[in-house]
Amino acid sequence: MQPFELASPKTREQAVRLLGTDPARATILAGGSDLLGLMKDNVVTAGRLVYVKSVSGLTGVHTEKAGGLRIGALTTVDDLSADAALGFEYPAITAAAGHVAGPQIRNVATLGGNLLQRPRCWYFRNGFGLLAQRDGKSMVVDGDNRYHAILGNDGPAYFVQPSTLAPLLIAVGAQVVLFGPQGERRLDLEKLYRIPKTEGEREHDLKPGEVLTEVLLPPVAGRKVYSYEVRQRQTLDWSLATASVALEMDGGGKISRARVILGQVAPVPWAATETEEFLKGKTLDVDVASKAGEAAVAKAKPLSQNRYKIQLARVAVKRALLAAAGIVEEGA
C-alpha cells in the first residue's frame, strides 16, 4: 500500500474542502471494507483519505414530518437491518440489509459505501480499469466473463453494479442528497448510476468533490415491496442476480403500477421496463409472474460464459413478484 495522508473532518463542508476536485488525489473513507482492499492492490492510489465517520448528522434513520424516511449515508448496514422505523415502513429493506455480507462487514460498512462500492469485476480489481481493455480490445468479451453483464452490455463496459441495496431503493423511489463545492443537490438514486463509455469516466454521477450524505425514502403508501437475491452461497457471498419489485394495486387487486429493478446483471441497476409495462392491469398469479420474468430478460445478450444468468434473473423476478403479493407457488 502506498503512503497516504489521513484527514478527519468534523463537518461536511470541511470534508468537501479536504476532498478537493481530483478523485485521483483524494477519496472518501468511511467503513473502508471495500476501499482498503483496493488500496492494498494499488487499484486506488489516492494520496489523501478523508475519513468522514466523525462528520456529524450523517447517521441514523429519521421520520420526516411530511412522511417518508431520511437515512444518513454513514448509517451502518447493521444498524439499517435493526432499525424499528425502517422495519415498520420497509421490512424488505431491513431484510435485505441483514443479508449483506457477514456481521463483521455489516458492522462497519455504510449505506453510502454500499451504494457507491466499486465493481467486483476481477479485471478492474487487477488494475485493468473499468473497461478492461488491452490494445483497444475488451479483455472481458474473449476472457473469463462468467460474472459479467447480460444487459446493458453493448460495450465497452461489461462489469456489473454490485450493490444489493441499490435495486431495492430504486424500486421504491429513493432519492440521494449530494453535497459538494456548489452546495447541495437531490437526485433520483436511479440517475446516480451510469454506464461509462471511456476509460476516464466513472460508473456514477458524483461530480468532483461531491459527497453522498443522505438517502430519502418516500412513504410506502400501501405498495407491496420485495427483493429476491440469488447467490451461490447464502452467506458471505456476492449476489449473482437480484430482482427488487414495488407494486401498486388498485381496488380490484390488479397492478396499477410496477417497478422492477434488476441487480448484478448490468453495469447499472437495470430497470426492467418491459416487465413493468407487461404487469400493468394484470392480476398477479404464478403464470403472470413467470411471463414477467421472461419479459425481464427478453433482450439479454449473454457473453460466452454467463448465459446461466438469464435463468437466474428470470427466476428472481418471478419469485420477487410472488413473494411481494404473498403468493406461494406449489412445490416451491
C-alpha atoms as a PDB file:
ATOM      1  CA  MET A   1       0.000   0.000   0.000  1.00  0.00           C
ATOM      2  CA  GLN A   2       1.332   3.442  -0.904  1.00  0.00           C
ATOM      3  CA  PRO A   3       1.702   6.127   1.784  1.00  0.00           C
ATOM      4  CA  PHE A   4      -1.285   8.408   2.308  1.00  0.00           C
ATOM      5  CA  GLU A   5      -2.419  11.355   4.398  1.00  0.00           C
ATOM      6  CA  LEU A   6      -5.417  10.827   6.696  1.00  0.00           C
ATOM      7  CA  ALA A   7      -7.765  13.768   7.286  1.00  0.00           C
ATOM      8  CA  SER A   8     -10.658  13.693   9.776  1.00  0.00           C
ATOM      9  CA  PRO A   9     -13.163  16.489   9.125  1.00  0.00           C
ATOM     10  CA  LYS A  10     -15.991  17.261  11.547  1.00  0.00           C
ATOM     11  CA  THR A  11     -18.418  18.840   9.069  1.00  0.00           C
ATOM     12  CA  ARG A  12     -19.446  18.088   5.522  1.00  0.00           C
ATOM     13  CA  GLU A  13     -18.045  21.475   4.421  1.00  0.00           C
ATOM     14  CA  GLN A  14     -14.639  20.520   5.783  1.00  0.00           C
ATOM     15  CA  ALA A  15     -14.898  17.127   4.098  1.00  0.00           C
ATOM     16  CA  VAL A  16     -15.576  18.704   0.712  1.00  0.00           C
ATOM     17  CA  ARG A  17     -12.660  21.132   1.052  1.00  0.00           C
ATOM     18  CA  LEU A  18     -10.298  18.320   2.010  1.00  0.00           C
ATOM     19  CA  LEU A  19     -11.567  16.127  -0.804  1.00  0.00           C
ATOM     20  CA  GLY A  20     -10.824  18.693  -3.495  1.00  0.00           C
ATOM     21  CA  THR A  21     -11.862  18.140  -7.088  1.00  0.00           C
ATOM     22  CA  ASP A  22      -9.392  15.483  -8.236  1.00  0.00           C
ATOM     23  CA  PRO A  23     -10.629  11.934  -7.401  1.00  0.00           C
ATOM     24  CA  ALA A  24      -7.154  10.579  -8.127  1.00  0.00           C
ATOM     25  CA  ARG A  25      -5.612  12.655  -5.324  1.00  0.00           C
ATOM     26  CA  ALA A  26      -8.169  12.262  -2.521  1.00  0.00           C
ATOM     27  CA  THR A  27     -11.037   9.921  -1.745  1.00  0.00           C
ATOM     28  CA  ILE A  28     -13.630   9.328   0.950  1.00  0.00           C
ATOM     29  CA  LEU A  29     -13.025   6.744   3.669  1.00  0.00           C
ATOM     30  CA  ALA A  30     -15.999   5.583   5.745  1.00  0.00           C
ATOM     31  CA  GLY A  31     -16.246   1.908   6.694  1.00  0.00           C
ATOM     32  CA  GLY A  32     -13.332   1.038   4.429  1.00  0.00           C
ATOM     33  CA  SER A  33     -14.428  -2.559   3.824  1.00  0.00           C
ATOM     34  CA  ASP A  34     -14.002  -2.091   0.060  1.00  0.00           C
ATOM     35  CA  LEU A  35     -11.611   0.846  -0.241  1.00  0.00           C
ATOM     36  CA  LEU A  36      -8.782  -0.581   1.844  1.00  0.00           C
ATOM     37  CA  GLY A  37      -8.647  -3.712  -0.276  1.00  0.00           C
ATOM     38  CA  LEU A  38      -8.470  -1.608  -3.432  1.00  0.00           C
ATOM     39  CA  MET A  39      -5.625   0.398  -1.935  1.00  0.00           C
ATOM     40  CA  LYS A  40      -3.684  -2.702  -0.926  1.00  0.00           C
ATOM     41  CA  ASP A  41      -3.960  -3.910  -4.513  1.00  0.00           C
ATOM     42  CA  ASN A  42      -2.897  -0.463  -5.830  1.00  0.00           C
ATOM     43  CA  VAL A  43      -6.140  -0.105  -7.764  1.00  0.00           C
ATOM     44  CA  VAL A  44      -6.792   3.092  -5.787  1.00  0.00           C
ATOM     45  CA  THR A  45      -3.689   5.212  -5.103  1.00  0.00           C
ATOM     46  CA  ALA A  46      -5.128   8.405  -3.599  1.00  0.00           C
ATOM     47  CA  GLY A  47      -2.635  10.346  -1.519  1.00  0.00           C
ATOM     48  CA  ARG A  48      -5.281  11.577   0.918  1.00  0.00           C
ATOM     49  CA  LEU A  49      -8.091   9.702   2.642  1.00  0.00           C
ATOM     50  CA  VAL A  50     -10.858  11.902   4.006  1.00  0.00           C
ATOM     51  CA  TYR A  51     -12.231   9.933   6.966  1.00  0.00           C
ATOM     52  CA  VAL A  52     -15.858  11.028   7.333  1.00  0.00           C
ATOM     53  CA  LYS A  53     -17.029   8.874  10.245  1.00  0.00           C
ATOM     54  CA  SER A  54     -16.674  11.908  12.564  1.00  0.00           C
ATOM     55  CA  VAL A  55     -18.843  14.175  10.387  1.00  0.00           C
ATOM     56  CA  SER A  56     -21.958  14.992  12.394  1.00  0.00           C
ATOM     57  CA  GLY A  57     -25.546  14.494  11.258  1.00  0.00           C
ATOM     58  CA  LEU A  58     -24.976  11.711   8.742  1.00  0.00           C
ATOM     59  CA  THR A  59     -26.143   8.675  10.708  1.00  0.00           C
ATOM     60  CA  GLY A  60     -29.483   7.229  11.720  1.00  0.00           C
ATOM     61  CA  VAL A  61     -32.970   6.784  10.301  1.00  0.00           C
ATOM     62  CA  HIS A  62     -35.269   9.769  10.796  1.00  0.00           C
ATOM     63  CA  THR A  63     -39.002  10.092  10.132  1.00  0.00           C
ATOM     64  CA  GLU A  64     -39.977  13.118   8.033  1.00  0.00           C
ATOM     65  CA  LYS A  65     -42.955  15.268   9.081  1.00  0.00           C
ATOM     66  CA  ALA A  66     -44.432  15.032   5.586  1.00  0.00           C
ATOM     67  CA  GLY A  67     -43.964  11.264   5.577  1.00  0.00           C
ATOM     68  CA  GLY A  68     -41.139   9.055   4.449  1.00  0.00           C
ATOM     69  CA  LEU A  69     -37.700   8.498   5.932  1.00  0.00           C
ATOM     70  CA  ARG A  70     -34.329  10.256   5.831  1.00  0.00           C
ATOM     71  CA  ILE A  71     -31.308   7.993   6.284  1.00  0.00           C
ATOM     72  CA  GLY A  72     -27.785   9.232   6.882  1.00  0.00           C
ATOM     73  CA  ALA A  73     -25.265   7.846   4.430  1.00  0.00           C
ATOM     74  CA  LEU A  74     -22.917   6.882   7.288  1.00  0.00           C
ATOM     75  CA  THR A  75     -25.528   4.619   8.899  1.00  0.00           C
ATOM     76  CA  THR A  76     -24.022   1.160   9.085  1.00  0.00           C
ATOM     77  CA  VAL A  77     -25.685  -1.693   7.248  1.00  0.00           C
ATOM     78  CA  ASP A  78     -26.107  -3.488  10.586  1.00  0.00           C
ATOM     79  CA  ASP A  79     -27.982  -0.509  12.041  1.00  0.00           C
ATOM     80  CA  LEU A  80     -30.206  -0.449   8.950  1.00  0.00           C
ATOM     81  CA  SER A  81     -31.090  -4.098   9.427  1.00  0.00           C
ATOM     82  CA  ALA A  82     -32.141  -3.475  13.046  1.00  0.00           C
ATOM     83  CA  ASP A  83     -33.901  -0.098  12.763  1.00  0.00           C
ATOM     84  CA  ALA A  84     -37.501  -0.244  14.003  1.00  0.00           C
ATOM     85  CA  ALA A  85     -38.817   2.713  11.982  1.00  0.00           C
ATOM     86  CA  LEU A  86     -37.308   1.390   8.754  1.00  0.00           C
ATOM     87  CA  GLY A  87     -38.514  -2.140   9.523  1.00  0.00           C
ATOM     88  CA  PHE A  88     -42.065  -0.892  10.102  1.00  0.00           C
ATOM     89  CA  GLU A  89     -42.190   1.128   6.876  1.00  0.00           C
ATOM     90  CA  TYR A  90     -39.991  -1.048   4.647  1.00  0.00           C
ATOM     91  CA  PRO A  91     -39.344  -4.515   6.099  1.00  0.00           C
ATOM     92  CA  ALA A  92     -37.923  -5.582   2.736  1.00  0.00           C
ATOM     93  CA  ILE A  93     -35.070  -3.093   3.166  1.00  0.00           C
ATOM     94  CA  THR A  94     -34.153  -4.234   6.674  1.00  0.00           C
ATOM     95  CA  ALA A  95     -34.271  -7.842   5.474  1.00  0.00           C
ATOM     96  CA  ALA A  96     -32.002  -7.066   2.506  1.00  0.00           C
ATOM     97  CA  ALA A  97     -29.567  -5.185   4.756  1.00  0.00           C
ATOM     98  CA  GLY A  98     -29.440  -8.165   7.097  1.00  0.00           C
ATOM     99  CA  HIS A  99     -28.231 -10.392   4.252  1.00  0.00           C
ATOM    100  CA  VAL A 100     -25.355  -8.159   3.149  1.00  0.00           C
ATOM    101  CA  ALA A 101     -22.001  -9.952   3.562  1.00  0.00           C
ATOM    102  CA  GLY A 102     -21.354 -11.118   7.146  1.00  0.00           C
ATOM    103  CA  PRO A 103     -21.775  -9.494  10.575  1.00  0.00           C
ATOM    104  CA  GLN A 104     -18.211  -8.169  10.712  1.00  0.00           C
ATOM    105  CA  ILE A 105     -18.650  -6.267   7.449  1.00  0.00           C
ATOM    106  CA  ARG A 106     -22.201  -5.130   8.264  1.00  0.00           C
ATOM    107  CA  ASN A 107     -20.888  -3.562  11.486  1.00  0.00           C
ATOM    108  CA  VAL A 108     -18.536  -1.225   9.611  1.00  0.00           C
ATOM    109  CA  ALA A 109     -19.961  -0.954   6.072  1.00  0.00           C
ATOM    110  CA  THR A 110     -22.168   2.092   5.495  1.00  0.00           C
ATOM    111  CA  LEU A 111     -25.245   2.712   3.391  1.00  0.00           C
ATOM    112  CA  GLY A 112     -23.354   5.217   1.249  1.00  0.00           C
ATOM    113  CA  GLY A 113     -20.476   2.804   0.809  1.00  0.00           C
ATOM    114  CA  ASN A 114     -22.817   0.027  -0.264  1.00  0.00           C
ATOM    115  CA  LEU A 115     -24.427   2.237  -2.896  1.00  0.00           C
ATOM    116  CA  LEU A 116     -21.095   3.507  -4.224  1.00  0.00           C
ATOM    117  CA  GLN A 117     -18.937   0.385  -3.931  1.00  0.00           C
ATOM    118  CA  ARG A 118     -16.743  -0.277  -6.927  1.00  0.00           C
ATOM    119  CA  PRO A 119     -17.421  -3.157  -9.339  1.00  0.00           C
ATOM    120  CA  ARG A 120     -16.340  -6.630  -8.271  1.00  0.00           C
ATOM    121  CA  CYS A 121     -15.036  -7.283 -11.809  1.00  0.00           C
ATOM    122  CA  TRP A 122     -11.728  -9.111 -11.470  1.00  0.00           C
ATOM    123  CA  TYR A 123     -10.239  -7.258 -14.442  1.00  0.00           C
ATOM    124  CA  PHE A 124     -10.899  -3.956 -12.667  1.00  0.00           C
ATOM    125  CA  ARG A 125      -9.652  -5.360  -9.372  1.00  0.00           C
ATOM    126  CA  ASN A 126      -6.419  -6.419 -11.058  1.00  0.00           C
ATOM    127  CA  GLY A 127      -5.695  -2.938 -12.365  1.00  0.00           C
ATOM    128  CA  PHE A 128      -7.039  -3.094 -15.929  1.00  0.00           C
ATOM    129  CA  GLY A 129      -9.606  -0.315 -15.413  1.00  0.00           C
ATOM    130  CA  LEU A 130     -13.378  -0.219 -15.589  1.00  0.00           C
ATOM    131  CA  LEU A 131     -13.447  -1.038 -19.299  1.00  0.00           C
ATOM    132  CA  ALA A 132     -10.718  -3.699 -19.065  1.00  0.00           C
ATOM    133  CA  GLN A 133      -9.198  -3.128 -22.473  1.00  0.00           C
ATOM    134  CA  ARG A 134      -5.880  -4.177 -23.943  1.00  0.00           C
ATOM    135  CA  ASP A 135      -4.676  -2.947 -27.345  1.00  0.00           C
ATOM    136  CA  GLY A 136      -8.096  -1.365 -27.877  1.00  0.00           C
ATOM    137  CA  LYS A 137      -9.974  -4.641 -27.366  1.00  0.00           C
ATOM    138  CA  SER A 138     -12.069  -5.793 -24.434  1.00  0.00           C
ATOM    139  CA  MET A 139     -10.436  -8.418 -22.261  1.00  0.00           C
ATOM    140  CA  VAL A 140     -13.874  -9.409 -20.955  1.00  0.00           C
ATOM    141  CA  VAL A 141     -15.514 -10.491 -24.207  1.00  0.00           C
ATOM    142  CA  ASP A 142     -12.820 -13.047 -25.025  1.00  0.00           C
ATOM    143  CA  GLY A 143     -11.889 -13.800 -21.424  1.00  0.00           C
ATOM    144  CA  ASP A 144     -13.461 -15.155 -18.252  1.00  0.00           C
ATOM    145  CA  ASN A 145     -16.812 -13.348 -18.190  1.00  0.00           C
ATOM    146  CA  ARG A 146     -18.955 -15.702 -16.122  1.00  0.00           C
ATOM    147  CA  TYR A 147     -19.953 -12.959 -13.629  1.00  0.00           C
ATOM    148  CA  HIS A 148     -20.338 -10.100 -16.080  1.00  0.00           C
ATOM    149  CA  ALA A 149     -23.312  -8.272 -17.591  1.00  0.00           C
ATOM    150  CA  ILE A 150     -26.091  -9.766 -19.680  1.00  0.00           C
ATOM    151  CA  LEU A 151     -27.992  -6.467 -20.054  1.00  0.00           C
ATOM    152  CA  GLY A 152     -26.689  -3.022 -20.973  1.00  0.00           C
ATOM    153  CA  ASN A 153     -23.576  -4.754 -22.258  1.00  0.00           C
ATOM    154  CA  ASP A 154     -23.254  -3.365 -25.770  1.00  0.00           C
ATOM    155  CA  GLY A 155     -19.816  -2.213 -24.658  1.00  0.00           C
ATOM    156  CA  PRO A 156     -17.302  -1.058 -23.855  1.00  0.00           C
ATOM    157  CA  ALA A 157     -18.409  -1.647 -20.218  1.00  0.00           C
ATOM    158  CA  TYR A 158     -19.248  -5.208 -19.158  1.00  0.00           C
ATOM    159  CA  PHE A 159     -18.927  -5.085 -15.350  1.00  0.00           C
ATOM    160  CA  VAL A 160     -21.982  -5.331 -13.098  1.00  0.00           C
ATOM    161  CA  GLN A 161     -23.070  -2.837 -10.442  1.00  0.00           C
ATOM    162  CA  PRO A 162     -22.589  -4.812  -7.217  1.00  0.00           C
ATOM    163  CA  SER A 163     -24.866  -3.161  -4.630  1.00  0.00           C
ATOM    164  CA  THR A 164     -27.691  -5.367  -3.359  1.00  0.00           C
ATOM    165  CA  LEU A 165     -29.433  -2.419  -1.680  1.00  0.00           C
ATOM    166  CA  ALA A 166     -29.465  -0.107  -4.713  1.00  0.00           C
ATOM    167  CA  PRO A 167     -32.040  -2.049  -6.799  1.00  0.00           C
ATOM    168  CA  LEU A 168     -34.481  -2.174  -3.890  1.00  0.00           C
ATOM    169  CA  LEU A 169     -34.051   1.506  -3.012  1.00  0.00           C
ATOM    170  CA  ILE A 170     -34.532   2.475  -6.655  1.00  0.00           C
ATOM    171  CA  ALA A 171     -37.678   0.329  -6.868  1.00  0.00           C
ATOM    172  CA  VAL A 172     -39.290   2.271  -4.015  1.00  0.00           C
ATOM    173  CA  GLY A 173     -38.312   5.662  -5.474  1.00  0.00           C
ATOM    174  CA  ALA A 174     -35.385   6.674  -3.259  1.00  0.00           C
ATOM    175  CA  GLN A 175     -33.508   9.904  -3.764  1.00  0.00           C
ATOM    176  CA  VAL A 176     -29.978  10.776  -2.655  1.00  0.00           C
ATOM    177  CA  VAL A 177     -28.694  14.046  -1.240  1.00  0.00           C
ATOM    178  CA  LEU A 178     -25.283  15.049  -2.583  1.00  0.00           C
ATOM    179  CA  PHE A 179     -23.133  17.831  -1.148  1.00  0.00           C
ATOM    180  CA  GLY A 180     -20.197  19.400  -2.926  1.00  0.00           C
ATOM    181  CA  PRO A 181     -18.367  22.637  -3.771  1.00  0.00           C
ATOM    182  CA  GLN A 182     -21.537  24.040  -5.375  1.00  0.00           C
ATOM    183  CA  GLY A 183     -23.731  23.160  -2.415  1.00  0.00           C
ATOM    184  CA  GLU A 184     -26.456  20.541  -2.047  1.00  0.00           C
ATOM    185  CA  ARG A 185     -28.483  18.796  -4.722  1.00  0.00           C
ATOM    186  CA  ARG A 186     -31.009  15.973  -4.811  1.00  0.00           C
ATOM    187  CA  LEU A 187     -31.025  13.247  -7.372  1.00  0.00           C
ATOM    188  CA  ASP A 188     -33.165  10.195  -8.003  1.00  0.00           C
ATOM    189  CA  LEU A 189     -30.996   7.261  -6.954  1.00  0.00           C
ATOM    190  CA  GLU A 190     -31.648   5.658 -10.326  1.00  0.00           C
ATOM    191  CA  LYS A 191     -29.914   8.607 -12.016  1.00  0.00           C
ATOM    192  CA  LEU A 192     -26.815   8.323  -9.824  1.00  0.00           C
ATOM    193  CA  TYR A 193     -25.549   5.402 -11.887  1.00  0.00           C
ATOM    194  CA  ARG A 194     -24.315   5.493 -15.448  1.00  0.00           C
ATOM    195  CA  ILE A 195     -22.505   3.274 -17.915  1.00  0.00           C
ATOM    196  CA  PRO A 196     -19.041   4.674 -18.724  1.00  0.00           C
ATOM    197  CA  LYS A 197     -18.106   4.957 -22.374  1.00  0.00           C
ATOM    198  CA  THR A 198     -14.472   5.984 -21.964  1.00  0.00           C
ATOM    199  CA  GLU A 199     -11.786   4.891 -19.530  1.00  0.00           C
ATOM    200  CA  GLY A 200     -11.750   8.274 -17.796  1.00  0.00           C
ATOM    201  CA  GLU A 201     -15.428   8.115 -16.830  1.00  0.00           C
ATOM    202  CA  ARG A 202     -16.723   6.755 -13.536  1.00  0.00           C
ATOM    203  CA  GLU A 203     -19.726   4.498 -13.001  1.00  0.00           C
ATOM    204  CA  HIS A 204     -21.700   7.119 -11.088  1.00  0.00           C
ATOM    205  CA  ASP A 205     -22.763  10.744 -11.462  1.00  0.00           C
ATOM    206  CA  LEU A 206     -20.959  12.183  -8.442  1.00  0.00           C
ATOM    207  CA  LYS A 207     -19.324  15.422  -9.504  1.00  0.00           C
ATOM    208  CA  PRO A 208     -15.717  16.153  -8.426  1.00  0.00           C
ATOM    209  CA  GLY A 209     -15.643  16.891  -4.715  1.00  0.00           C
ATOM    210  CA  GLU A 210     -19.193  15.714  -4.028  1.00  0.00           C
ATOM    211  CA  VAL A 211     -20.164  13.502  -1.108  1.00  0.00           C
ATOM    212  CA  LEU A 212     -23.280  11.362  -0.738  1.00  0.00           C
ATOM    213  CA  THR A 213     -24.798  12.498   2.572  1.00  0.00           C
ATOM    214  CA  GLU A 214     -28.352  11.108   2.815  1.00  0.00           C
ATOM    215  CA  VAL A 215     -30.894   8.776   1.250  1.00  0.00           C
ATOM    216  CA  LEU A 216     -34.549   9.849   1.158  1.00  0.00           C
ATOM    217  CA  LEU A 217     -37.359   7.275   1.075  1.00  0.00           C
ATOM    218  CA  PRO A 218     -40.957   8.192   0.202  1.00  0.00           C
ATOM    219  CA  PRO A 219     -43.839   6.752   2.261  1.00  0.00           C
ATOM    220  CA  VAL A 220     -44.553   3.136   1.384  1.00  0.00           C
ATOM    221  CA  ALA A 221     -48.189   4.126   0.649  1.00  0.00           C
ATOM    222  CA  GLY A 222     -49.557   0.589   0.558  1.00  0.00           C
ATOM    223  CA  ARG A 223     -47.133  -0.685  -2.055  1.00  0.00           C
ATOM    224  CA  LYS A 224     -46.080  -4.323  -1.977  1.00  0.00           C
ATOM    225  CA  VAL A 225     -42.277  -4.453  -1.865  1.00  0.00           C
ATOM    226  CA  TYR A 226     -39.859  -7.355  -2.009  1.00  0.00           C
ATOM    227  CA  SER A 227     -36.321  -8.176  -3.086  1.00  0.00           C
ATOM    228  CA  TYR A 228     -35.095 -11.619  -4.100  1.00  0.00           C
ATOM    229  CA  GLU A 229     -31.389 -12.441  -4.380  1.00  0.00           C
ATOM    230  CA  VAL A 230     -29.722 -15.441  -5.979  1.00  0.00           C
ATOM    231  CA  ARG A 231     -26.344 -16.414  -4.532  1.00  0.00           C
ATOM    232  CA  GLN A 232     -24.064 -19.375  -4.940  1.00  0.00           C
ATOM    233  CA  ARG A 233     -23.874 -19.496  -1.131  1.00  0.00           C
ATOM    234  CA  GLN A 234     -26.369 -17.990   1.292  1.00  0.00           C
ATOM    235  CA  THR A 235     -23.819 -16.120   3.425  1.00  0.00           C
ATOM    236  CA  LEU A 236     -20.568 -14.247   2.828  1.00  0.00           C
ATOM    237  CA  ASP A 237     -21.081 -14.262  -0.920  1.00  0.00           C
ATOM    238  CA  TRP A 238     -21.924 -11.764  -3.636  1.00  0.00           C
ATOM    239  CA  SER A 239     -25.278 -11.913  -5.368  1.00  0.00           C
ATOM    240  CA  LEU A 240     -25.337 -13.311  -8.872  1.00  0.00           C
ATOM    241  CA  ALA A 241     -28.714 -11.717  -9.629  1.00  0.00           C
ATOM    242  CA  THR A 242     -31.217  -9.636  -7.680  1.00  0.00           C
ATOM    243  CA  ALA A 243     -34.795  -8.653  -8.516  1.00  0.00           C
ATOM    244  CA  SER A 244     -36.444  -5.895  -6.490  1.00  0.00           C
ATOM    245  CA  VAL A 245     -40.108  -5.041  -7.015  1.00  0.00           C
ATOM    246  CA  ALA A 246     -42.585  -2.440  -5.787  1.00  0.00           C
ATOM    247  CA  LEU A 247     -46.221  -2.949  -6.773  1.00  0.00           C
ATOM    248  CA  GLU A 248     -49.163  -0.555  -6.553  1.00  0.00           C
ATOM    249  CA  MET A 249     -52.548  -2.292  -6.672  1.00  0.00           C
ATOM    250  CA  ASP A 250     -56.000  -0.908  -7.482  1.00  0.00           C
ATOM    251  CA  GLY A 251     -59.143  -1.730  -5.523  1.00  0.00           C
ATOM    252  CA  GLY A 252     -59.769  -4.824  -7.616  1.00  0.00           C
ATOM    253  CA  GLY A 253     -56.391  -6.411  -6.944  1.00  0.00           C
ATOM    254  CA  LYS A 254     -54.901  -5.503 -10.315  1.00  0.00           C
ATOM    255  CA  ILE A 255     -51.460  -3.948 -10.668  1.00  0.00           C
ATOM    256  CA  SER A 256     -51.762  -0.263 -11.473  1.00  0.00           C
ATOM    257  CA  ARG A 257     -48.003   0.452 -11.429  1.00  0.00           C
ATOM    258  CA  ALA A 258     -44.919  -1.685 -11.042  1.00  0.00           C
ATOM    259  CA  ARG A 259     -41.227  -1.041 -10.608  1.00  0.00           C
ATOM    260  CA  VAL A 260     -38.931  -3.975 -11.302  1.00  0.00           C
ATOM    261  CA  ILE A 261     -35.201  -3.352 -10.888  1.00  0.00           C
ATOM    262  CA  LEU A 262     -32.523  -5.964 -11.528  1.00  0.00           C
ATOM    263  CA  GLY A 263     -29.130  -6.045  -9.852  1.00  0.00           C
ATOM    264  CA  GLN A 264     -25.814  -7.707 -10.735  1.00  0.00           C
ATOM    265  CA  VAL A 265     -26.813  -8.216 -14.365  1.00  0.00           C
ATOM    266  CA  ALA A 266     -25.811  -4.847 -15.880  1.00  0.00           C
ATOM    267  CA  PRO A 267     -23.311  -2.019 -15.298  1.00  0.00           C
ATOM    268  CA  VAL A 268     -26.146  -0.104 -13.582  1.00  0.00           C
ATOM    269  CA  PRO A 269     -29.173  -1.259 -11.572  1.00  0.00           C
ATOM    270  CA  TRP A 270     -31.352  -2.272 -14.515  1.00  0.00           C
ATOM    271  CA  ALA A 271     -34.959  -1.132 -14.868  1.00  0.00           C
ATOM    272  CA  ALA A 272     -36.929  -3.986 -16.448  1.00  0.00           C
ATOM    273  CA  THR A 273     -39.271  -1.634 -18.316  1.00  0.00           C
ATOM    274  CA  GLU A 274     -40.756  -4.388 -20.484  1.00  0.00           C
ATOM    275  CA  THR A 275     -41.793  -6.230 -17.341  1.00  0.00           C
ATOM    276  CA  GLU A 276     -43.206  -3.075 -15.779  1.00  0.00           C
ATOM    277  CA  GLU A 277     -45.369  -2.447 -18.855  1.00  0.00           C
ATOM    278  CA  PHE A 278     -46.453  -6.077 -19.043  1.00  0.00           C
ATOM    279  CA  LEU A 279     -47.675  -6.069 -15.428  1.00  0.00           C
ATOM    280  CA  LYS A 280     -49.949  -3.036 -15.763  1.00  0.00           C
ATOM    281  CA  GLY A 281     -53.570  -4.054 -15.362  1.00  0.00           C
ATOM    282  CA  LYS A 282     -52.700  -7.674 -14.588  1.00  0.00           C
ATOM    283  CA  THR A 283     -53.873  -9.709 -11.613  1.00  0.00           C
ATOM    284  CA  LEU A 284     -50.774 -11.391 -10.297  1.00  0.00           C
ATOM    285  CA  ASP A 285     -50.599 -15.177 -10.247  1.00  0.00           C
ATOM    286  CA  VAL A 286     -47.905 -17.769 -10.942  1.00  0.00           C
ATOM    287  CA  ASP A 287     -48.426 -17.650 -14.710  1.00  0.00           C
ATOM    288  CA  VAL A 288     -48.270 -13.852 -14.854  1.00  0.00           C
ATOM    289  CA  ALA A 289     -45.157 -13.822 -12.645  1.00  0.00           C
ATOM    290  CA  SER A 290     -43.474 -16.376 -14.920  1.00  0.00           C
ATOM    291  CA  LYS A 291     -44.230 -14.316 -18.027  1.00  0.00           C
ATOM    292  CA  ALA A 292     -42.991 -11.201 -16.250  1.00  0.00           C
ATOM    293  CA  GLY A 293     -39.684 -12.969 -15.617  1.00  0.00           C
ATOM    294  CA  GLU A 294     -39.454 -13.882 -19.296  1.00  0.00           C
ATOM    295  CA  ALA A 295     -40.059 -10.262 -20.294  1.00  0.00           C
ATOM    296  CA  ALA A 296     -37.297  -9.066 -17.965  1.00  0.00           C
ATOM    297  CA  VAL A 297     -34.608 -10.986 -19.845  1.00  0.00           C
ATOM    298  CA  ALA A 298     -36.081 -10.908 -23.344  1.00  0.00           C
ATOM    299  CA  LYS A 299     -33.357  -8.512 -24.517  1.00  0.00           C
ATOM    300  CA  ALA A 300     -30.480 -10.113 -22.617  1.00  0.00           C
ATOM    301  CA  LYS A 301     -27.236 -10.631 -24.540  1.00  0.00           C
ATOM    302  CA  PRO A 302     -25.157 -13.218 -22.707  1.00  0.00           C
ATOM    303  CA  LEU A 303     -21.430 -13.393 -23.148  1.00  0.00           C
ATOM    304  CA  SER A 304     -19.571 -16.637 -23.774  1.00  0.00           C
ATOM    305  CA  GLN A 305     -19.703 -17.894 -20.145  1.00  0.00           C
ATOM    306  CA  ASN A 306     -22.649 -16.202 -18.415  1.00  0.00           C
ATOM    307  CA  ARG A 307     -25.779 -17.463 -20.146  1.00  0.00           C
ATOM    308  CA  TYR A 308     -26.836 -19.030 -16.830  1.00  0.00           C
ATOM    309  CA  LYS A 309     -27.542 -15.525 -15.524  1.00  0.00           C
ATOM    310  CA  ILE A 310     -30.577 -15.273 -17.790  1.00  0.00           C
ATOM    311  CA  GLN A 311     -32.253 -18.101 -15.907  1.00  0.00           C
ATOM    312  CA  LEU A 312     -31.227 -16.643 -12.537  1.00  0.00           C
ATOM    313  CA  ALA A 313     -32.665 -13.221 -13.359  1.00  0.00           C
ATOM    314  CA  ARG A 314     -35.848 -14.734 -14.803  1.00  0.00           C
ATOM    315  CA  VAL A 315     -36.491 -16.782 -11.672  1.00  0.00           C
ATOM    316  CA  ALA A 316     -35.545 -13.904  -9.358  1.00  0.00           C
ATOM    317  CA  VAL A 317     -38.194 -11.667 -10.946  1.00  0.00           C
ATOM    318  CA  LYS A 318     -40.836 -14.371 -10.720  1.00  0.00           C
ATOM    319  CA  ARG A 319     -40.124 -15.148  -7.078  1.00  0.00           C
ATOM    320  CA  ALA A 320     -39.854 -11.494  -6.045  1.00  0.00           C
ATOM    321  CA  LEU A 321     -43.271 -10.783  -7.565  1.00  0.00           C
ATOM    322  CA  LEU A 322     -44.913 -13.790  -5.944  1.00  0.00           C
ATOM    323  CA  ALA A 323     -43.380 -13.001  -2.554  1.00  0.00           C
ATOM    324  CA  ALA A 324     -44.450  -9.354  -2.772  1.00  0.00           C
ATOM    325  CA  ALA A 325     -48.013 -10.452  -3.423  1.00  0.00           C
ATOM    326  CA  GLY A 326     -47.933 -13.160  -0.749  1.00  0.00           C
ATOM    327  CA  ILE A 327     -48.482 -15.959  -3.256  1.00  0.00           C
ATOM    328  CA  VAL A 328     -46.975 -19.366  -2.512  1.00  0.00           C
ATOM    329  CA  GLU A 329     -46.087 -21.393  -5.594  1.00  0.00           C
ATOM    330  CA  GLU A 330     -46.976 -25.075  -5.412  1.00  0.00           C
ATOM    331  CA  GLY A 331     -43.908 -27.212  -4.941  1.00  0.00           C
ATOM    332  CA  ALA A 332     -41.719 -24.189  -4.054  1.00  0.00           C
END
